[in-house]
């Protein structure tokens, strides 16, 4: 679970990503060069990936550790691997 400082950091990142996506939409509406639009999509996707990895790290350090300490290793690791694979598609 994220602490308050981490929540604020992730929220700031997500607001920046929202701005990026809005910019991409405007680029499409303005009929900008496809490669420029695609580069911005790649940048937004990378930013979302970073947010996902930060969330995964926080989850691993708190929820997964807690689950393992309570004897739920398999469930915690299966869940962790599932979300890790989803982030890397």
Protein backbone atom coordinates (compact mmCIF):
# COMPACT_ATOMS: atom_id res chain seq x y z
CA UNK A 1 0.00 0.00 0.00
CA UNK A 2 1.32 3.46 -0.88
CA UNK A 3 2.13 5.91 1.87
CA UNK A 4 0.91 9.49 1.59
CA UNK A 5 4.16 10.73 0.01
CA UNK A 6 4.10 7.97 -2.58
CA UNK A 7 0.43 8.68 -3.36
CA UNK A 8 1.26 12.31 -4.05
CA UNK A 9 4.23 11.37 -6.24
CA UNK A 10 2.17 8.87 -8.26
CA UNK A 11 -0.70 11.35 -8.54
CA UNK A 12 1.66 14.01 -9.95
CA UNK A 13 2.99 11.53 -12.50
CA UNK A 14 -0.53 10.55 -13.52
CA UNK A 15 -1.55 14.19 -13.98
CA UNK A 16 1.47 14.72 -16.25
CA UNK A 17 0.46 11.64 -18.23
CA UNK A 18 -3.07 13.01 -18.56
CA UNK A 19 -1.53 16.16 -20.02
CA UNK A 20 0.54 14.08 -22.42
CA UNK A 21 -2.52 12.16 -23.59
CA UNK A 22 -4.42 15.42 -24.07
CA UNK A 23 -1.52 16.68 -26.15
CA UNK A 24 -1.59 13.52 -28.24
CA UNK A 25 -5.30 13.96 -28.87
CA UNK A 26 -4.67 17.53 -30.03
CA UNK A 27 -1.87 16.34 -32.31
CA UNK A 28 -4.26 13.85 -33.93
CA UNK A 29 -6.95 16.50 -34.33
CA UNK A 30 -4.37 18.84 -35.88
CA UNK A 31 -3.34 16.11 -38.35
CA UNK A 32 0.25 16.13 -37.11
CA UNK A 33 2.85 13.87 -38.68
CA UNK A 34 2.18 10.26 -37.65
CA UNK A 35 5.73 9.62 -36.44
CA UNK A 36 5.50 12.60 -34.08
CA UNK A 37 2.22 11.27 -32.67
CA UNK A 38 3.66 7.77 -32.31
CA UNK A 39 6.71 9.12 -30.47
CA UNK A 40 4.42 10.88 -28.00
CA UNK A 41 2.37 7.70 -27.55
CA UNK A 42 5.59 5.83 -26.78
CA UNK A 43 6.57 8.49 -24.23
CA UNK A 44 3.16 8.31 -22.52
CA UNK A 45 3.30 4.52 -22.49
CA UNK A 46 6.77 4.61 -20.92
CA UNK A 47 5.53 7.04 -18.27
CA UNK A 48 2.60 4.74 -17.44
CA UNK A 49 4.99 1.80 -17.26
CA UNK A 50 7.09 3.69 -14.72
CA UNK A 51 4.02 4.38 -12.59
CA UNK A 52 3.12 0.70 -12.78
CA UNK A 53 6.60 -0.34 -11.72
CA UNK A 54 6.51 2.08 -8.77
CA UNK A 55 3.18 0.59 -7.71
CA UNK A 56 4.54 -2.94 -8.14
CA UNK A 57 7.58 -2.13 -6.03
CA UNK A 58 5.44 -0.67 -3.27
CA UNK A 59 3.10 -3.66 -3.38
CA UNK A 60 6.05 -6.06 -3.22
CA UNK A 61 7.56 -4.31 -0.22
CA UNK A 62 4.33 -4.21 1.75
CA UNK A 63 1.48 -6.49 0.71
CA UNK A 64 3.62 -9.33 -0.66
CA UNK A 65 5.91 -9.33 2.37
CA UNK A 66 2.86 -9.33 4.65
CA UNK A 67 1.25 -12.22 2.74
CA UNK A 68 4.45 -14.27 2.90
CA UNK A 69 4.77 -13.65 6.63
CA UNK A 70 1.20 -14.94 7.02
CA UNK A 71 1.99 -18.11 5.09
CA UNK A 72 0.33 -17.17 1.79
CA UNK A 73 3.49 -17.40 -0.32
CA UNK A 74 2.04 -19.13 -3.36
CA UNK A 75 -0.94 -16.82 -3.70
CA UNK A 76 1.21 -13.70 -3.22
CA UNK A 77 3.83 -14.80 -5.74
CA UNK A 78 1.25 -15.97 -8.29
CA UNK A 79 -0.53 -12.63 -8.03
CA UNK A 80 2.75 -10.72 -8.26
CA UNK A 81 3.87 -12.65 -11.34
CA UNK A 82 0.51 -12.19 -13.00
CA UNK A 83 0.61 -8.42 -12.70
CA UNK A 84 4.30 -8.33 -13.65
CA UNK A 85 3.52 -10.21 -16.86
CA UNK A 86 0.62 -7.84 -17.61
CA UNK A 87 2.94 -4.84 -17.24
CA UNK A 88 5.37 -6.36 -19.71
CA UNK A 89 2.97 -7.12 -22.56
